[in-house]
Amino acid sequence: MILRSVRFGLIGVALLAFTVDGGCRRKETPAPPMATPSLTVNRDKVPLGSPIDVTYKFTVANDTKFTEDFRVMVHIVDSDRELMFTFDHNPPVPTTQWKPGQTVEYTRTEFIPIYPYVGEATVELGLYSLQNQRRLPLGGDDAGQRAYKVSKLVLQPQTENVFTVFKDGWHPAEGAPHNPSVEWQWTKQVATLAFKNPKKDCTFYLDVDHPSNVFREPQQVQVTLGGDVVDQFALNEGQELLRKIPLKAAQFGTGEMAELRISVDKTYVPALLNVANNKDPRELGVRVFHAFVQPTS
């Protein structure tokens, strides 16, 4: 009987300690928010693979000073709050330059990955340290672990997009080994993109770069539609450009399909260069991450 009493007494002490400790935790004052995030999109229904313009806004608290440059966390989660993909990025103005009471606002064009999910998705924002991954306390609807719900999206099937075929002059698609959601295709000197005639004004999104340093001068890139030049630009080594090229319905003609051509003035073959272990025999023009025709209405 004495042993049982001691045992139950110890359990009681442990429960009391747990209750007191848990009560103390519940009474802890949450850290004050350092900023309040918000987000708007130019359309709330987005087919997989298509672009979306996202405007980010952070209202800095009056007594906040950032001591390091934090990264913006952008998580897209499904209806079960499972992470599908991210748009994490460094803000154009580093957080160490944000001032108390200031509103920091900027717009980025993001491309929705081809992900096996359609339906409602939630956008969660945060700020985190690149040094230790620590997330900052922000104002708003905390979904847990300082990820703040700021918007909703409806992801639609890829078939809602304009039907597009990478026709002639393209090499097979490749992917980044560290991030399978990042893909690209190299062009040859001339590459043709065929697409179903949308018979309305559109924007052609061309996301392109050239990672090599083989040319002394910038590459000259030209985009033509039906024989007419619709865009031309210089591409420097290591530079990534997102061109948003307006196209008029009349430029597509009356046929069922239309074609855009991307041409460059210079190409190279890696195997012919004095680079060790590079036996790539392909003729390479520019590297295209996205080539997308988006109706404007």
Protein backbone atom coordinates (compact mmCIF):
# COMPACT_ATOMS: atom_id res chain seq x y z
CA MET A 1 0.00 0.00 0.00
CA ILE A 2 2.83 2.41 0.80
CA LEU A 3 4.50 1.67 -2.58
CA ARG A 4 1.24 2.31 -4.47
CA SER A 5 0.75 5.58 -2.60
CA VAL A 6 4.26 6.71 -3.50
CA ARG A 7 3.76 5.73 -7.13
CA PHE A 8 0.46 7.58 -7.47
CA GLY A 9 2.00 10.52 -5.63
CA LEU A 10 4.82 10.72 -8.17
CA ILE A 11 2.33 10.55 -11.05
CA GLY A 12 0.34 13.35 -9.45
CA VAL A 13 3.45 15.51 -9.13
CA ALA A 14 4.34 14.83 -12.79
CA LEU A 15 0.83 15.74 -13.94
CA LEU A 16 0.88 18.89 -11.84
CA ALA A 17 4.24 19.88 -13.31
CA PHE A 18 2.96 19.22 -16.85
CA THR A 19 -0.17 21.27 -16.18
CA VAL A 20 1.76 24.18 -14.73
CA ASP A 21 4.34 24.07 -17.55
CA GLY A 22 1.63 23.82 -20.24
CA GLY A 23 -0.28 26.66 -18.63
CA CYS A 24 2.82 28.83 -18.66
CA ARG A 25 3.35 28.08 -22.33
CA ARG A 26 -0.20 29.06 -23.20
CA LYS A 27 0.27 32.38 -21.43
CA GLU A 28 3.45 33.26 -23.32
CA THR A 29 3.12 36.53 -25.19
CA PRO A 30 3.52 35.99 -28.95
CA ALA A 31 6.30 37.93 -30.65
CA PRO A 32 5.06 41.19 -32.19
CA PRO A 33 4.72 41.11 -35.99
CA MET A 34 7.61 42.66 -37.87
CA ALA A 35 5.52 43.27 -40.99
CA THR A 36 2.11 42.44 -42.43
CA PRO A 37 2.11 40.62 -45.79
CA SER A 38 -0.58 40.61 -48.48
CA LEU A 39 -0.80 39.34 -52.03
CA THR A 40 -2.96 39.94 -55.12
CA VAL A 41 -3.04 38.13 -58.47
CA ASN A 42 -4.21 39.29 -61.88
CA ARG A 43 -6.48 36.24 -62.19
CA ASP A 44 -7.67 33.73 -59.63
CA LYS A 45 -8.26 30.83 -62.05
CA VAL A 46 -4.98 29.63 -63.54
CA PRO A 47 -4.40 26.62 -65.84
CA LEU A 48 -1.36 24.51 -65.07
CA GLY A 49 1.71 25.71 -66.96
CA SER A 50 0.42 29.25 -67.48
CA PRO A 51 1.80 32.59 -66.22
CA ILE A 52 0.30 34.69 -63.47
CA ASP A 53 1.23 38.19 -62.29
CA VAL A 54 1.60 38.27 -58.52
CA THR A 55 1.82 41.51 -56.54
CA TYR A 56 3.50 41.17 -53.16
CA LYS A 57 3.06 43.77 -50.42
CA PHE A 58 4.71 44.04 -47.01
CA THR A 59 3.76 46.77 -44.55
CA VAL A 60 6.65 47.12 -42.12
CA ALA A 61 5.79 47.64 -38.44
CA ASN A 62 6.62 51.07 -37.03
CA ASP A 63 9.25 49.77 -34.60
CA THR A 64 10.89 47.16 -36.85
CA LYS A 65 14.44 47.09 -38.14
CA PHE A 66 15.71 44.10 -40.12
CA THR A 67 19.25 43.05 -39.26
CA GLU A 68 19.73 40.69 -42.21
CA ASP A 69 18.35 40.15 -45.70
CA PHE A 70 15.47 37.71 -45.34
CA ARG A 71 14.02 35.65 -48.18
CA VAL A 72 10.34 35.66 -49.13
CA MET A 73 8.65 32.29 -48.65
CA VAL A 74 5.77 31.60 -51.07
CA HIS A 75 4.13 28.20 -50.58
CA ILE A 76 1.27 26.90 -52.71
CA VAL A 77 -0.61 24.21 -50.78
CA ASP A 78 -3.53 21.97 -51.74
CA SER A 79 -6.88 21.57 -49.97
CA ASP A 80 -5.21 19.26 -47.40
CA ARG A 81 -2.46 21.86 -46.85
CA GLU A 82 0.12 19.63 -48.52
CA LEU A 83 2.91 21.64 -50.17
CA MET A 84 2.78 21.42 -53.97
CA PHE A 85 5.33 23.99 -55.15
CA THR A 86 6.98 27.24 -54.12
CA PHE A 87 7.82 30.67 -55.55
CA ASP A 88 10.44 31.59 -52.93
CA HIS A 89 12.56 34.58 -53.94
CA ASN A 90 14.65 37.49 -52.73
CA PRO A 91 12.67 40.75 -52.75
CA PRO A 92 13.96 43.39 -55.20
CA VAL A 93 14.71 45.69 -52.25
CA PRO A 94 16.64 43.73 -49.57
CA THR A 95 14.93 43.66 -46.19
CA THR A 96 17.88 45.44 -44.52
CA GLN A 97 16.81 48.47 -46.57
CA TRP A 98 13.16 48.32 -45.46
CA LYS A 99 12.24 51.22 -43.17
CA PRO A 100 9.82 51.28 -40.20
CA GLY A 101 6.28 52.06 -41.37
CA GLN A 102 7.21 51.60 -45.03
CA THR A 103 5.06 49.65 -47.51
CA VAL A 104 7.16 47.54 -49.87
CA GLU A 105 5.30 46.46 -53.01
CA TYR A 106 6.44 44.74 -56.21
CA THR A 107 5.08 42.46 -58.95
CA ARG A 108 6.57 39.25 -60.32
CA THR A 109 5.42 36.98 -63.14
CA GLU A 110 5.31 33.38 -61.96
CA PHE A 111 4.63 30.25 -64.04
CA ILE A 112 2.41 27.59 -62.50
CA PRO A 113 4.24 24.23 -62.73
CA ILE A 114 2.65 21.23 -64.41
CA TYR A 115 1.57 19.62 -61.15
CA PRO A 116 -0.87 16.66 -60.79
CA TYR A 117 -3.58 18.64 -59.00
CA VAL A 118 -6.60 20.73 -60.00
CA GLY A 119 -8.88 22.58 -57.61
CA GLU A 120 -8.55 25.21 -54.91
CA ALA A 121 -5.11 26.05 -53.59
CA THR A 122 -3.94 28.41 -50.86
CA VAL A 123 -1.00 30.81 -51.03
CA GLU A 124 1.03 31.15 -47.82
CA LEU A 125 3.65 33.84 -47.32
CA GLY A 126 6.50 34.23 -44.87
CA LEU A 127 9.97 35.68 -44.37
CA TYR A 128 12.87 33.43 -43.41
CA SER A 129 16.58 33.61 -42.74
CA LEU A 130 19.00 32.08 -45.21
CA GLN A 131 21.44 31.54 -42.34
CA ASN A 132 19.31 29.33 -40.09
CA GLN A 133 15.89 29.03 -41.85
CA ARG A 134 14.22 30.85 -38.93
CA ARG A 135 10.88 32.41 -39.88
CA LEU A 136 9.86 35.86 -38.69
CA PRO A 137 6.61 36.70 -36.87
CA LEU A 138 4.29 38.54 -39.24
CA GLY A 139 0.76 39.92 -39.01
CA GLY A 140 -2.17 37.98 -40.45
CA ASP A 141 -3.73 34.53 -40.53
CA ASP A 142 -1.02 32.15 -39.32
CA ALA A 143 -1.60 28.67 -40.76
CA GLY A 144 1.12 27.32 -38.46
CA GLN A 145 4.90 27.63 -38.23
CA ARG A 146 4.67 31.30 -39.25
CA ALA A 147 3.23 30.63 -42.71
CA TYR A 148 0.52 33.23 -43.32
CA LYS A 149 -2.49 32.61 -45.55
CA VAL A 150 -2.83 35.52 -47.99
CA SER A 151 -4.76 34.33 -51.07
CA LYS A 152 -6.61 31.55 -52.89
CA LEU A 153 -6.12 30.18 -56.40
CA VAL A 154 -8.10 27.75 -58.51
CA LEU A 155 -5.75 25.54 -60.51
CA GLN A 156 -7.29 24.40 -63.80
CA PRO A 157 -6.28 21.59 -66.21
CA GLN A 158 -3.49 22.30 -68.68
CA THR A 159 -5.98 21.73 -71.51
CA GLU A 160 -7.43 25.20 -70.76
CA ASN A 161 -4.30 26.72 -72.35
CA VAL A 162 -3.79 27.49 -76.03
CA PHE A 163 -2.70 24.24 -77.71
CA THR A 164 1.02 24.61 -78.51
CA VAL A 165 3.58 22.41 -80.29
CA PHE A 166 7.36 22.83 -80.16
CA LYS A 167 7.78 22.10 -83.84
CA ASP A 168 11.16 22.43 -85.62
CA GLY A 169 14.50 23.59 -84.28
CA TRP A 170 14.16 22.46 -80.66
CA HIS A 171 16.27 20.05 -78.65
CA PRO A 172 14.55 17.69 -76.15
CA ALA A 173 13.46 19.10 -72.80
CA GLU A 174 15.93 19.01 -69.90
CA GLY A 175 15.50 19.51 -66.16
CA ALA A 176 17.53 20.84 -63.26
CA PRO A 177 18.73 17.90 -61.12
CA HIS A 178 18.24 19.86 -57.87
CA ASN A 179 14.76 21.11 -58.83
CA PRO A 180 12.62 18.94 -61.15
CA SER A 181 10.06 21.76 -61.56
CA VAL A 182 12.65 23.78 -63.55
CA GLU A 183 12.78 22.70 -67.20
CA TRP A 184 14.09 24.20 -70.41
CA GLN A 185 14.66 23.49 -74.09
CA TRP A 186 17.58 24.68 -76.17
CA THR A 187 16.89 26.10 -79.60
CA LYS A 188 18.95 25.66 -82.72
CA GLN A 189 19.53 28.75 -84.87
CA VAL A 190 15.82 28.89 -85.76
CA ALA A 191 13.05 27.31 -83.66
CA THR A 192 9.36 27.19 -84.58
CA LEU A 193 6.48 27.27 -82.12
CA ALA A 194 3.13 26.27 -83.63
CA PHE A 195 -0.12 26.99 -81.79
CA LYS A 196 -3.86 26.90 -82.35
CA ASN A 197 -5.10 30.24 -83.67
CA PRO A 198 -6.78 31.93 -80.67
CA LYS A 199 -8.34 34.55 -83.00
CA LYS A 200 -7.94 37.23 -80.34
CA ASP A 201 -5.20 39.51 -79.05
CA CYS A 202 -2.53 37.67 -77.03
CA THR A 203 0.71 38.10 -75.14
CA PHE A 204 3.64 35.86 -76.01
CA TYR A 205 5.74 35.11 -72.92
CA LEU A 206 9.32 34.21 -73.81
CA ASP A 207 11.53 33.33 -70.81
CA VAL A 208 15.04 32.86 -72.16
CA ASP A 209 18.72 32.96 -71.20
CA HIS A 210 22.19 31.96 -72.36
CA PRO A 211 24.34 30.56 -69.52
CA SER A 212 27.54 30.16 -71.52
CA ASN A 213 30.32 32.70 -72.08
CA VAL A 214 31.38 31.59 -75.54
CA PHE A 215 30.47 34.80 -77.38
CA ARG A 216 32.34 38.06 -77.21
CA GLU A 217 29.27 40.03 -78.19
CA PRO A 218 25.63 39.60 -77.03
CA GLN A 219 23.41 37.30 -79.06
CA GLN A 220 20.79 39.02 -81.16
CA VAL A 221 17.39 37.34 -80.82
CA GLN A 222 14.49 37.94 -83.19
CA VAL A 223 10.87 36.77 -82.93
CA THR A 224 8.72 36.71 -86.05
CA LEU A 225 5.06 35.92 -86.70
CA GLY A 226 3.80 35.42 -90.22
CA GLY A 227 6.98 36.98 -91.59
CA ASP A 228 6.65 40.11 -89.44
CA VAL A 229 9.19 40.92 -86.73
CA VAL A 230 7.28 41.23 -83.44
CA ASP A 231 10.30 41.53 -81.13
CA GLN A 232 14.07 41.68 -81.22
CA PHE A 233 16.55 42.07 -78.38
CA ALA A 234 20.15 41.50 -77.27
CA LEU A 235 20.90 38.68 -74.83
CA ASN A 236 24.06 38.92 -72.75
CA GLU A 237 25.88 35.90 -71.33
CA GLY A 238 24.40 34.76 -68.01
CA GLN A 239 21.38 37.03 -68.46
CA GLU A 240 17.81 35.74 -68.14
CA LEU A 241 15.05 37.77 -69.76
CA LEU A 242 11.28 37.46 -69.65
CA ARG A 243 9.85 39.14 -72.74
CA LYS A 244 6.13 39.91 -72.85
CA ILE A 245 5.38 40.41 -76.53
CA PRO A 246 1.94 41.76 -77.55
CA LEU A 247 0.34 40.03 -80.54
CA LYS A 248 -2.71 41.25 -82.45
CA ALA A 249 -5.43 38.86 -83.60
CA ALA A 250 -5.00 40.06 -87.20
CA GLN A 251 -1.37 38.86 -87.17
CA PHE A 252 -2.47 35.23 -86.76
CA GLY A 253 -4.22 35.11 -90.13
CA THR A 254 -7.26 32.96 -90.82
CA GLY A 255 -5.72 29.50 -90.59
CA GLU A 256 -6.38 26.94 -87.88
CA MET A 257 -2.76 27.18 -86.68
CA ALA A 258 -0.21 29.99 -86.42
CA GLU A 259 3.57 29.89 -86.03
CA LEU A 260 6.13 31.96 -84.16
CA ARG A 261 9.82 31.70 -85.05
CA ILE A 262 12.67 32.41 -82.64
CA SER A 263 16.00 32.98 -84.39
CA VAL A 264 19.49 33.91 -83.16
CA ASP A 265 22.47 35.32 -84.99
CA LYS A 266 25.02 33.06 -83.29
CA THR A 267 25.05 29.40 -82.17
CA TYR A 268 27.77 27.09 -80.89
CA VAL A 269 28.59 23.39 -80.48
CA PRO A 270 30.02 22.57 -77.01
CA ALA A 271 32.01 19.56 -78.29
CA LEU A 272 33.98 21.83 -80.63
CA LEU A 273 35.13 24.12 -77.83
CA ASN A 274 38.23 23.60 -75.71
CA VAL A 275 36.23 22.56 -72.66
CA ALA A 276 37.22 19.40 -70.79
CA ASN A 277 34.74 16.50 -70.75
CA ASN A 278 32.08 18.37 -72.73
CA LYS A 279 31.20 16.15 -75.67
CA ASP A 280 27.79 17.68 -76.40
CA PRO A 281 27.50 17.62 -80.24
CA ARG A 282 24.36 19.79 -80.43
CA GLU A 283 24.07 23.16 -82.08
CA LEU A 284 22.86 25.46 -79.31
CA GLY A 285 21.15 28.80 -79.72
CA VAL A 286 19.34 30.07 -76.61
CA ARG A 287 17.85 28.27 -73.62
CA VAL A 288 14.08 28.71 -73.31
CA PHE A 289 12.35 28.10 -69.98
CA HIS A 290 8.88 29.19 -71.08
CA ALA A 291 7.34 29.96 -74.46
CA PHE A 292 3.66 30.61 -73.84
CA VAL A 293 0.81 32.23 -75.78
CA GLN A 294 -1.73 33.83 -73.42
CA PRO A 295 -4.97 35.43 -74.67
CA THR A 296 -5.37 38.88 -73.14
CA SER A 297 -9.14 38.52 -72.65
